[in-house]
Amino acid sequence: MPLSTAAPGSVLFGGTTFDAVLFDMDGTLISSLASVMRSWTRLAHEFAIDDVRVREFRFHGVPARDIVDTLLAAREPEERARALRRIVELEVTDTGDIEVLPGAAEALAALAGTGRSAIVTSCDRTLASARLAATGLAVPEVVVTADDVARGKPDPEPYVLGAQRLGVDPARCLVVEDAAAGLDSGRDAGAATLALATQSHGDALTADVVVPDLGAVRFEVSGAGVRVLAA
């Protein structure tokens, strides 16, 4: 879908007021791409996985346990479990160059303390905590991780749970995502979708609205909920 060309100050989503905004983490609020590639490349060497498979695997937005199960599908369960523990260890200790993406700090600050936002990530809780702690962002009280769900993105369960923990209907929420798997998850949960072209070209993303990054929008909070305006 093409990037939005709405004029600054324009109200997006037809003026809909949302009960809550549910943010993905990696590629949406922060970028840990360098850490991810270093960690998975090292895992490939340690577990004799073809480097080409790692480089070409479309794992963005997919839980690590699902990636490991795919890359090591022919291995014994014990080895897959060891690989999962190892990739978590590698990524948790590699947070030095994590980048806060444009507009992320402002978006979270605008919603801080309102009870109208959550982070819904495919990371496990340990990794999510480590990456968020390295950023200084105003983290919402509700953070849903891979540890909280039986089925990760693109299944709708993560975003349904995020809405439930905020006490709202998923159909009254806005999901903010950069990955196709996450957009599918949010859409199937019944939410409206805002796609960020931080990792992909806008034409490759299917969402209600597509923008370059969170710097292209601002969130206006009132007693009625949250509206989204073009910045």
C-alpha atoms as a PDB file:
ATOM      1  CA  MET A   1       0.000   0.000   0.000  1.00  0.00           C
ATOM      2  CA  PRO A   2       1.411   3.472  -0.846  1.00  0.00           C
ATOM      3  CA  LEU A   3       2.665   5.715   1.936  1.00  0.00           C
ATOM      4  CA  SER A   4       0.154   8.195   3.314  1.00  0.00           C
ATOM      5  CA  THR A   5       0.399  11.697   1.869  1.00  0.00           C
ATOM      6  CA  ALA A   6      -1.985  13.310   4.353  1.00  0.00           C
ATOM      7  CA  ALA A   7      -1.289  16.961   5.134  1.00  0.00           C
ATOM      8  CA  PRO A   8       0.152  17.765   8.590  1.00  0.00           C
ATOM      9  CA  GLY A   9      -2.617  17.995  11.157  1.00  0.00           C
ATOM     10  CA  SER A  10      -4.994  15.818   9.144  1.00  0.00           C
ATOM     11  CA  VAL A  11      -6.937  13.279  11.167  1.00  0.00           C
ATOM     12  CA  LEU A  12      -6.234   9.735   9.986  1.00  0.00           C
ATOM     13  CA  PHE A  13      -8.441   6.618  10.111  1.00  0.00           C
ATOM     14  CA  GLY A  14     -11.524   8.661   9.269  1.00  0.00           C
ATOM     15  CA  GLY A  15     -11.343  10.385  12.633  1.00  0.00           C
ATOM     16  CA  THR A  16     -11.821   7.135  14.579  1.00  0.00           C
ATOM     17  CA  THR A  17     -11.094   7.419  18.294  1.00  0.00           C
ATOM     18  CA  PHE A  18      -9.358   4.272  19.532  1.00  0.00           C
ATOM     19  CA  ASP A  19      -9.589   2.825  23.026  1.00  0.00           C
ATOM     20  CA  ALA A  20      -5.919   1.818  22.926  1.00  0.00           C
ATOM     21  CA  VAL A  21      -2.810   1.652  20.769  1.00  0.00           C
ATOM     22  CA  LEU A  22      -0.864  -1.624  20.657  1.00  0.00           C
ATOM     23  CA  PHE A  23       2.743  -1.240  19.506  1.00  0.00           C
ATOM     24  CA  ASP A  24       5.055  -3.878  18.126  1.00  0.00           C
ATOM     25  CA  MET A  25       8.610  -3.396  19.448  1.00  0.00           C
ATOM     26  CA  ASP A  26      11.411  -4.281  16.999  1.00  0.00           C
ATOM     27  CA  GLY A  27      11.208  -2.302  13.767  1.00  0.00           C
ATOM     28  CA  THR A  28       8.413  -0.170  15.230  1.00  0.00           C
ATOM     29  CA  LEU A  29       9.807   1.425  18.388  1.00  0.00           C
ATOM     30  CA  ILE A  30      13.424   0.289  18.201  1.00  0.00           C
ATOM     31  CA  SER A  31      15.840  -1.271  15.750  1.00  0.00           C
ATOM     32  CA  SER A  32      17.966  -4.172  16.923  1.00  0.00           C
ATOM     33  CA  LEU A  33      18.642  -5.451  13.411  1.00  0.00           C
ATOM     34  CA  ALA A  34      22.426  -5.405  13.781  1.00  0.00           C
ATOM     35  CA  SER A  35      22.225  -7.390  17.024  1.00  0.00           C
ATOM     36  CA  VAL A  36      19.767  -9.850  15.494  1.00  0.00           C
ATOM     37  CA  MET A  37      21.986 -10.583  12.490  1.00  0.00           C
ATOM     38  CA  ARG A  38      25.120 -10.928  14.619  1.00  0.00           C
ATOM     39  CA  SER A  39      23.383 -13.259  17.048  1.00  0.00           C
ATOM     40  CA  TRP A  40      21.735 -15.504  14.471  1.00  0.00           C
ATOM     41  CA  THR A  41      24.925 -15.686  12.400  1.00  0.00           C
ATOM     42  CA  ARG A  42      26.839 -16.815  15.477  1.00  0.00           C
ATOM     43  CA  LEU A  43      24.128 -19.374  16.275  1.00  0.00           C
ATOM     44  CA  ALA A  44      24.409 -20.697  12.724  1.00  0.00           C
ATOM     45  CA  HIS A  45      28.137 -21.275  13.200  1.00  0.00           C
ATOM     46  CA  GLU A  46      27.713 -22.935  16.594  1.00  0.00           C
ATOM     47  CA  PHE A  47      24.896 -25.265  15.473  1.00  0.00           C
ATOM     48  CA  ALA A  48      26.109 -25.934  11.918  1.00  0.00           C
ATOM     49  CA  ILE A  49      23.185 -24.175  10.248  1.00  0.00           C
ATOM     50  CA  ASP A  50      23.692 -23.032   6.654  1.00  0.00           C
ATOM     51  CA  ASP A  51      24.499 -19.282   6.776  1.00  0.00           C
ATOM     52  CA  VAL A  52      22.503 -18.725   3.598  1.00  0.00           C
ATOM     53  CA  ARG A  53      19.360 -20.087   5.271  1.00  0.00           C
ATOM     54  CA  VAL A  54      19.832 -17.638   8.149  1.00  0.00           C
ATOM     55  CA  ARG A  55      20.446 -14.645   5.884  1.00  0.00           C
ATOM     56  CA  GLU A  56      17.484 -15.410   3.625  1.00  0.00           C
ATOM     57  CA  PHE A  57      15.025 -16.559   6.276  1.00  0.00           C
ATOM     58  CA  ARG A  58      12.093 -14.158   6.644  1.00  0.00           C
ATOM     59  CA  PHE A  59      12.092 -14.193  10.437  1.00  0.00           C
ATOM     60  CA  HIS A  60      11.285 -10.561  11.197  1.00  0.00           C
ATOM     61  CA  GLY A  61       8.319 -10.429  13.570  1.00  0.00           C
ATOM     62  CA  VAL A  62       8.321 -14.186  14.187  1.00  0.00           C
ATOM     63  CA  PRO A  63       9.064 -15.654  17.662  1.00  0.00           C
ATOM     64  CA  ALA A  64      12.555 -17.119  18.114  1.00  0.00           C
ATOM     65  CA  ARG A  65      11.170 -20.523  19.090  1.00  0.00           C
ATOM     66  CA  ASP A  66       9.370 -20.732  15.713  1.00  0.00           C
ATOM     67  CA  ILE A  67      12.527 -19.707  13.851  1.00  0.00           C
ATOM     68  CA  VAL A  68      14.588 -22.329  15.669  1.00  0.00           C
ATOM     69  CA  ASP A  69      11.954 -24.992  14.971  1.00  0.00           C
ATOM     70  CA  THR A  70      12.100 -24.111  11.268  1.00  0.00           C
ATOM     71  CA  LEU A  71      15.878 -23.875  10.885  1.00  0.00           C
ATOM     72  CA  LEU A  72      16.528 -26.998  12.978  1.00  0.00           C
ATOM     73  CA  ALA A  73      13.438 -28.953  11.972  1.00  0.00           C
ATOM     74  CA  ALA A  74      15.446 -32.125  11.348  1.00  0.00           C
ATOM     75  CA  ARG A  75      17.256 -31.990  14.718  1.00  0.00           C
ATOM     76  CA  GLU A  76      16.274 -33.630  17.994  1.00  0.00           C
ATOM     77  CA  PRO A  77      13.996 -31.654  20.377  1.00  0.00           C
ATOM     78  CA  GLU A  78      16.805 -31.392  22.931  1.00  0.00           C
ATOM     79  CA  GLU A  79      19.079 -29.710  20.391  1.00  0.00           C
ATOM     80  CA  ARG A  80      16.346 -27.272  19.363  1.00  0.00           C
ATOM     81  CA  ALA A  81      15.831 -26.412  23.025  1.00  0.00           C
ATOM     82  CA  ARG A  82      19.568 -25.767  23.452  1.00  0.00           C
ATOM     83  CA  ALA A  83      19.573 -23.566  20.353  1.00  0.00           C
ATOM     84  CA  LEU A  84      16.635 -21.546  21.664  1.00  0.00           C
ATOM     85  CA  ARG A  85      18.361 -20.970  24.997  1.00  0.00           C
ATOM     86  CA  ARG A  86      21.542 -19.971  23.179  1.00  0.00           C
ATOM     87  CA  ILE A  87      19.932 -17.434  20.825  1.00  0.00           C
ATOM     88  CA  VAL A  88      18.207 -15.766  23.764  1.00  0.00           C
ATOM     89  CA  GLU A  89      21.531 -15.601  25.609  1.00  0.00           C
ATOM     90  CA  LEU A  90      23.291 -14.124  22.575  1.00  0.00           C
ATOM     91  CA  GLU A  91      20.650 -11.470  21.934  1.00  0.00           C
ATOM     92  CA  VAL A  92      20.201 -10.459  25.587  1.00  0.00           C
ATOM     93  CA  THR A  93      23.915  -9.720  25.919  1.00  0.00           C
ATOM     94  CA  ASP A  94      24.120  -7.785  22.621  1.00  0.00           C
ATOM     95  CA  THR A  95      22.177  -4.538  23.174  1.00  0.00           C
ATOM     96  CA  GLY A  96      24.912  -1.930  22.803  1.00  0.00           C
ATOM     97  CA  ASP A  97      23.802  -0.448  19.470  1.00  0.00           C
ATOM     98  CA  ILE A  98      20.027  -0.692  19.738  1.00  0.00           C
ATOM     99  CA  GLU A  99      18.462   2.367  18.090  1.00  0.00           C
ATOM    100  CA  VAL A 100      15.280   4.196  19.081  1.00  0.00           C
ATOM    101  CA  LEU A 101      13.372   4.784  15.846  1.00  0.00           C
ATOM    102  CA  PRO A 102      12.021   8.212  14.815  1.00  0.00           C
ATOM    103  CA  GLY A 103       8.882   9.264  16.667  1.00  0.00           C
ATOM    104  CA  ALA A 104       8.922   6.300  19.068  1.00  0.00           C
ATOM    105  CA  ALA A 105       9.842   8.261  22.201  1.00  0.00           C
ATOM    106  CA  GLU A 106       7.230  10.923  21.427  1.00  0.00           C
ATOM    107  CA  ALA A 107       4.513   8.341  20.728  1.00  0.00           C
ATOM    108  CA  LEU A 108       5.069   6.474  23.987  1.00  0.00           C
ATOM    109  CA  ALA A 109       5.372   9.717  25.951  1.00  0.00           C
ATOM    110  CA  ALA A 110       2.046  10.974  24.568  1.00  0.00           C
ATOM    111  CA  LEU A 111       0.313   7.822  25.822  1.00  0.00           C
ATOM    112  CA  ALA A 112       2.260   7.383  29.077  1.00  0.00           C
ATOM    113  CA  GLY A 113       0.117   7.024  32.167  1.00  0.00           C
ATOM    114  CA  THR A 114      -3.164   6.872  30.244  1.00  0.00           C
ATOM    115  CA  GLY A 115      -3.653   3.097  30.359  1.00  0.00           C
ATOM    116  CA  ARG A 116      -4.290   3.240  26.618  1.00  0.00           C
ATOM    117  CA  SER A 117      -1.123   1.635  25.264  1.00  0.00           C
ATOM    118  CA  ALA A 118       0.755  -1.662  25.315  1.00  0.00           C
ATOM    119  CA  ILE A 119       3.756  -3.263  23.671  1.00  0.00           C
ATOM    120  CA  VAL A 120       3.159  -6.614  21.972  1.00  0.00           C
ATOM    121  CA  THR A 121       6.399  -8.268  20.903  1.00  0.00           C
ATOM    122  CA  SER A 122       7.567 -11.601  19.541  1.00  0.00           C
ATOM    123  CA  CYS A 123      10.584 -11.499  21.887  1.00  0.00           C
ATOM    124  CA  ASP A 124      10.510 -13.445  25.127  1.00  0.00           C
ATOM    125  CA  ARG A 125      10.238 -11.410  28.340  1.00  0.00           C
ATOM    126  CA  THR A 126      13.948 -11.514  29.181  1.00  0.00           C
ATOM    127  CA  LEU A 127      14.988 -10.224  25.770  1.00  0.00           C
ATOM    128  CA  ALA A 128      12.224  -7.608  25.586  1.00  0.00           C
ATOM    129  CA  SER A 129      13.205  -6.285  29.021  1.00  0.00           C
ATOM    130  CA  ALA A 130      16.877  -6.106  28.069  1.00  0.00           C
ATOM    131  CA  ARG A 131      16.235  -4.232  24.832  1.00  0.00           C
ATOM    132  CA  LEU A 132      13.742  -1.788  26.336  1.00  0.00           C
ATOM    133  CA  ALA A 133      16.027  -1.111  29.298  1.00  0.00           C
ATOM    134  CA  ALA A 134      18.773  -0.130  26.848  1.00  0.00           C
ATOM    135  CA  THR A 135      16.590   2.573  25.267  1.00  0.00           C
ATOM    136  CA  GLY A 136      15.236   4.745  28.097  1.00  0.00           C
ATOM    137  CA  LEU A 137      11.772   4.722  26.526  1.00  0.00           C
ATOM    138  CA  ALA A 138       8.621   5.270  28.594  1.00  0.00           C
ATOM    139  CA  VAL A 139       7.519   1.633  28.603  1.00  0.00           C
ATOM    140  CA  PRO A 140       3.766   1.009  29.076  1.00  0.00           C
ATOM    141  CA  GLU A 141       2.593  -1.043  32.044  1.00  0.00           C
ATOM    142  CA  VAL A 142       1.295  -3.767  29.727  1.00  0.00           C
ATOM    143  CA  VAL A 143       3.939  -5.665  27.748  1.00  0.00           C
ATOM    144  CA  VAL A 144       2.925  -8.915  26.036  1.00  0.00           C
ATOM    145  CA  THR A 145       5.790 -11.222  25.037  1.00  0.00           C
ATOM    146  CA  ALA A 146       6.219 -14.635  23.444  1.00  0.00           C
ATOM    147  CA  ASP A 147       6.197 -16.123  26.943  1.00  0.00           C
ATOM    148  CA  ASP A 148       2.574 -15.036  27.401  1.00  0.00           C
ATOM    149  CA  VAL A 149       1.023 -16.778  24.397  1.00  0.00           C
ATOM    150  CA  ALA A 150       0.749 -20.271  22.978  1.00  0.00           C
ATOM    151  CA  ARG A 151       0.726 -19.019  19.374  1.00  0.00           C
ATOM    152  CA  GLY A 152       2.842 -16.089  18.227  1.00  0.00           C
ATOM    153  CA  LYS A 153       2.384 -13.700  15.321  1.00  0.00           C
ATOM    154  CA  PRO A 154       0.926 -14.012  12.697  1.00  0.00           C
ATOM    155  CA  ASP A 155      -1.708 -15.654  14.911  1.00  0.00           C
ATOM    156  CA  PRO A 156      -4.020 -13.001  16.442  1.00  0.00           C
ATOM    157  CA  GLU A 157      -3.490 -14.276  20.004  1.00  0.00           C
ATOM    158  CA  PRO A 158      -0.768 -11.739  20.985  1.00  0.00           C
ATOM    159  CA  TYR A 159      -2.845  -8.682  20.067  1.00  0.00           C
ATOM    160  CA  VAL A 160      -6.037 -10.135  21.486  1.00  0.00           C
ATOM    161  CA  LEU A 161      -4.207 -10.651  24.774  1.00  0.00           C
ATOM    162  CA  GLY A 162      -2.764  -7.128  24.694  1.00  0.00           C
ATOM    163  CA  ALA A 163      -6.250  -5.665  24.361  1.00  0.00           C
ATOM    164  CA  GLN A 164      -7.616  -7.944  27.075  1.00  0.00           C
ATOM    165  CA  ARG A 165      -4.917  -6.863  29.530  1.00  0.00           C
ATOM    166  CA  LEU A 166      -5.894  -3.248  28.907  1.00  0.00           C
ATOM    167  CA  GLY A 167      -9.562  -4.136  29.394  1.00  0.00           C
ATOM    168  CA  VAL A 168     -10.610  -3.111  25.882  1.00  0.00           C
ATOM    169  CA  ASP A 169     -12.073  -4.733  22.774  1.00  0.00           C
ATOM    170  CA  PRO A 170      -9.423  -5.530  20.120  1.00  0.00           C
ATOM    171  CA  ALA A 171     -11.813  -4.101  17.524  1.00  0.00           C
ATOM    172  CA  ARG A 172     -11.482  -0.731  19.285  1.00  0.00           C
ATOM    173  CA  CYS A 173      -7.669  -0.793  19.095  1.00  0.00           C
ATOM    174  CA  LEU A 174      -5.004   0.386  16.686  1.00  0.00           C
ATOM    175  CA  VAL A 175      -2.091  -1.965  16.022  1.00  0.00           C
ATOM    176  CA  VAL A 176       1.194  -0.310  14.978  1.00  0.00           C
ATOM    177  CA  GLU A 177       3.520  -2.691  13.140  1.00  0.00           C
ATOM    178  CA  ASP A 178       6.332  -2.864  10.607  1.00  0.00           C
ATOM    179  CA  ALA A 179       6.171  -6.581   9.723  1.00  0.00           C
ATOM    180  CA  ALA A 180       3.716  -8.515   7.601  1.00  0.00           C
ATOM    181  CA  ALA A 181       3.328 -11.202  10.284  1.00  0.00           C
ATOM    182  CA  GLY A 182       2.422  -8.587  12.883  1.00  0.00           C
ATOM    183  CA  LEU A 183      -0.001  -6.786  10.585  1.00  0.00           C
ATOM    184  CA  ASP A 184      -1.731 -10.105   9.890  1.00  0.00           C
ATOM    185  CA  SER A 185      -1.898 -10.721  13.652  1.00  0.00           C
ATOM    186  CA  GLY A 186      -3.441  -7.326  14.360  1.00  0.00           C
ATOM    187  CA  ARG A 187      -5.873  -7.482  11.457  1.00  0.00           C
ATOM    188  CA  ASP A 188      -7.081 -10.964  12.424  1.00  0.00           C
ATOM    189  CA  ALA A 189      -7.538  -9.731  16.003  1.00  0.00           C
ATOM    190  CA  GLY A 190     -10.044  -7.235  14.577  1.00  0.00           C
ATOM    191  CA  ALA A 191      -7.924  -4.120  15.080  1.00  0.00           C
ATOM    192  CA  ALA A 192      -7.207  -1.251  12.721  1.00  0.00           C
ATOM    193  CA  THR A 193      -3.615  -1.291  11.443  1.00  0.00           C
ATOM    194  CA  LEU A 194      -0.933   1.358  11.021  1.00  0.00           C
ATOM    195  CA  ALA A 195       2.091   0.072   9.085  1.00  0.00           C
ATOM    196  CA  LEU A 196       5.551   1.601   9.356  1.00  0.00           C
ATOM    197  CA  ALA A 197       7.863   1.261   6.368  1.00  0.00           C
ATOM    198  CA  THR A 198      10.966   1.074   8.558  1.00  0.00           C
ATOM    199  CA  GLN A 199      12.062  -2.348   7.292  1.00  0.00           C
ATOM    200  CA  SER A 200      10.031  -2.752   4.081  1.00  0.00           C
ATOM    201  CA  HIS A 201       8.834  -0.588   1.225  1.00  0.00           C
ATOM    202  CA  GLY A 202       5.324   0.724   1.840  1.00  0.00           C
ATOM    203  CA  ASP A 203       3.978  -1.100  -1.200  1.00  0.00           C
ATOM    204  CA  ALA A 204       4.915  -4.413   0.466  1.00  0.00           C
ATOM    205  CA  LEU A 205       2.720  -3.736   3.515  1.00  0.00           C
ATOM    206  CA  THR A 206      -1.036  -4.263   3.787  1.00  0.00           C
ATOM    207  CA  ALA A 207      -2.619  -1.951   6.371  1.00  0.00           C
ATOM    208  CA  ASP A 208      -5.288   0.704   6.784  1.00  0.00           C
ATOM    209  CA  VAL A 209      -2.621   3.433   6.752  1.00  0.00           C
ATOM    210  CA  VAL A 210       1.094   3.217   5.865  1.00  0.00           C
ATOM    211  CA  VAL A 211       3.659   5.832   6.955  1.00  0.00           C
ATOM    212  CA  PRO A 212       7.482   5.916   6.928  1.00  0.00           C
ATOM    213  CA  ASP A 213       7.825   5.745  10.732  1.00  0.00           C
ATOM    214  CA  LEU A 214       6.199   7.017  13.928  1.00  0.00           C
ATOM    215  CA  GLY A 215       7.635  10.462  13.267  1.00  0.00           C
ATOM    216  CA  ALA A 216       4.949  10.830  10.588  1.00  0.00           C
ATOM    217  CA  VAL A 217       2.070  10.684  13.092  1.00  0.00           C
ATOM    218  CA  ARG A 218       1.095  12.054  16.485  1.00  0.00           C
ATOM    219  CA  PHE A 219      -1.326  10.693  19.047  1.00  0.00           C
ATOM    220  CA  GLU A 220      -3.955  12.953  20.578  1.00  0.00           C
ATOM    221  CA  VAL A 221      -5.386  11.611  23.845  1.00  0.00           C
ATOM    222  CA  SER A 222      -8.692  12.674  25.378  1.00  0.00           C
ATOM    223  CA  GLY A 223     -11.236  11.194  27.739  1.00  0.00           C
ATOM    224  CA  ALA A 224     -12.856   9.538  24.729  1.00  0.00           C
ATOM    225  CA  GLY A 225      -9.686   7.766  23.624  1.00  0.00           C
ATOM    226  CA  VAL A 226      -6.870   8.250  21.115  1.00  0.00           C
ATOM    227  CA  ARG A 227      -6.963   9.896  17.726  1.00  0.00           C
ATOM    228  CA  VAL A 228      -4.164   9.691  15.164  1.00  0.00           C
ATOM    229  CA  LEU A 229      -3.091  12.768  13.235  1.00  0.00           C
ATOM    230  CA  ALA A 230      -0.534  13.293  10.495  1.00  0.00           C
ATOM    231  CA  ALA A 231       2.511  15.053  11.955  1.00  0.00           C
END
